[in-house]
Protein backbone atom coordinates (compact mmCIF):
# COMPACT_ATOMS: atom_id res chain seq x y z
CA MET A 1 5.76 7.56 25.78
CA SER A 2 1.70 7.13 26.35
CA MET A 3 -0.42 4.95 23.80
CA THR A 4 -1.93 7.94 22.68
CA ILE A 5 1.18 9.49 21.24
CA THR A 6 2.25 5.90 19.92
CA TYR A 7 -1.05 5.67 18.16
CA ALA A 8 -0.66 8.93 16.59
CA VAL A 9 2.89 8.46 15.36
CA TYR A 10 1.84 4.85 13.78
CA LEU A 11 -1.21 6.31 12.25
CA THR A 12 0.66 9.82 10.88
CA ILE A 13 3.80 7.22 9.44
CA SER A 14 1.44 4.55 8.25
CA ALA A 15 -0.75 7.42 6.16
CA GLY A 16 2.10 9.17 5.09
CA ILE A 17 3.76 6.05 3.68
CA THR A 18 0.39 4.62 2.07
CA MET A 19 -0.53 8.03 0.23
CA GLY A 20 3.49 8.30 -0.94
CA VAL A 21 3.78 4.87 -2.15
CA ALA A 22 0.25 5.17 -3.66
CA HIS A 23 0.93 8.46 -5.57
CA VAL A 24 4.35 7.11 -7.05
CA LEU A 25 2.33 3.91 -8.05
CA HIS A 26 -0.44 5.84 -9.57
CA LYS A 27 1.70 8.24 -11.46
CA ARG A 28 4.65 5.64 -12.72
CA GLY A 29 2.14 2.72 -12.85
CA ARG A 30 0.37 4.28 -15.52
CA ILE A 31 2.85 3.46 -18.30
CA PHE A 32 3.24 -0.18 -17.13
CA LEU A 33 -0.87 -0.24 -17.38
CA LEU A 34 -0.82 1.27 -20.95
CA LYS A 35 1.22 -1.54 -22.29
CA ALA A 36 -1.23 -4.30 -20.54
CA PHE A 37 -4.42 -2.44 -21.98
CA GLN A 38 -2.70 -1.83 -25.43
CA GLN A 39 -2.40 1.84 -25.12
CA GLN A 40 -6.47 2.40 -24.43
CA GLU A 41 -5.78 5.37 -22.38
CA ALA A 42 -9.43 5.55 -20.93
CA MET A 43 -9.47 2.18 -19.68
CA THR A 44 -5.84 2.46 -18.28
CA ASP A 45 -6.41 5.23 -16.38
CA SER A 46 -9.86 4.18 -14.84
CA VAL A 47 -8.15 0.92 -13.62
CA ASN A 48 -5.24 2.75 -12.20
CA ASP A 49 -7.59 5.10 -10.29
CA LEU A 50 -9.34 1.85 -8.91
CA LEU A 51 -6.35 0.22 -8.07
CA VAL A 52 -5.23 3.45 -6.23
CA VAL A 53 -8.75 3.18 -4.32
CA GLY A 54 -8.09 -0.64 -3.51
CA PHE A 55 -4.68 -0.07 -2.30
CA TYR A 56 -5.95 2.74 0.21
CA LEU A 57 -8.87 0.63 1.36
CA VAL A 58 -6.65 -2.66 2.08
CA ASN A 59 -3.80 -0.56 3.52
CA PHE A 60 -5.95 1.67 5.62
CA GLY A 61 -8.07 -1.11 6.83
CA TYR A 62 -4.98 -3.31 7.78
CA VAL A 63 -3.43 -0.18 9.87
CA THR A 64 -6.79 0.59 11.66
CA LEU A 65 -7.17 -3.16 12.50
CA ALA A 66 -3.40 -3.51 13.57
CA LEU A 67 -4.00 -0.47 16.04
CA LYS A 68 -5.31 -3.00 18.66
CA TYR A 69 -2.90 -5.96 18.11
CA GLY A 70 0.21 -6.49 20.19
CA ALA A 71 1.74 -5.81 23.60
CA LYS A 72 1.19 -2.48 24.68
CA PRO A 73 4.66 -0.50 25.40
CA THR A 74 5.34 1.04 28.35
CA THR A 75 8.65 2.43 27.68
CA LEU A 76 10.31 4.79 25.19
CA ALA A 77 12.42 1.60 23.74
CA GLU A 78 8.87 -0.60 23.98
CA SER A 79 7.31 2.42 22.11
CA ILE A 80 10.05 2.18 19.33
CA GLU A 81 9.87 -1.44 18.73
CA PHE A 82 6.06 -1.42 18.80
CA LEU A 83 6.43 1.33 16.05
CA SER A 84 9.05 -0.72 13.92
CA THR A 85 6.79 -3.89 14.10
CA LYS A 86 3.64 -2.07 12.81
CA ILE A 87 5.10 0.02 10.44
CA GLY A 88 7.31 -2.70 9.31
CA LEU A 89 3.93 -5.01 8.62
CA VAL A 90 2.65 -1.81 6.56
CA LEU A 91 5.67 -1.91 4.39
CA LEU A 92 5.80 -5.84 4.03
CA ILE A 93 2.09 -5.65 2.76
CA LEU A 94 2.70 -2.62 0.73
CA GLY A 95 5.36 -4.39 -1.20
CA ALA A 96 3.39 -7.31 -1.28
CA MET A 97 0.61 -5.61 -3.20
CA HIS A 98 2.83 -4.03 -5.43
CA PHE A 99 4.21 -7.25 -6.91
CA ILE A 100 0.91 -9.02 -6.73
CA ASN A 101 -0.60 -6.10 -8.99
CA LEU A 102 2.60 -6.26 -11.27
CA ALA A 103 2.09 -9.87 -11.73
CA VAL A 104 -1.47 -9.51 -12.56
CA PHE A 105 -0.96 -6.97 -15.04
CA ALA A 106 2.03 -8.81 -16.33
CA GLN A 107 -0.15 -11.74 -17.20
CA LEU A 108 -2.52 -9.91 -18.61
CA GLY A 109 -0.49 -8.17 -20.90
CA ARG A 110 1.01 -11.56 -22.02
CA ARG A 111 -2.76 -12.80 -22.59
CA LYS A 112 -3.55 -9.63 -24.66
CA SER A 113 -0.65 -9.84 -26.73
CA SER A 114 -0.93 -13.45 -27.87
CA CYS A 115 -4.52 -13.11 -28.78
């Protein structure tokens, strides 16, 4: 498998996963944010949109930077391993960002409710 095809597959899968996760988090996270922002819909929607933009910037930034790193595969098996490593790292970053955001907004919700 040529590197051009491997890169194209990596970028396509990474972009699809990132956009899919961002869509779900934006749609489903609104309820969580509404509680954290005490039902202030304008603030919730603004923060929700900004989180998606940040999510895209961090993930697409990582995906493009990671393109350069790692041993270049020369066989189909190496290409599959290369792709699984790169995509696995993207998934770990997406998961970590998700849990960090949840922790931050849970803490924010606790502070707001104690005031």
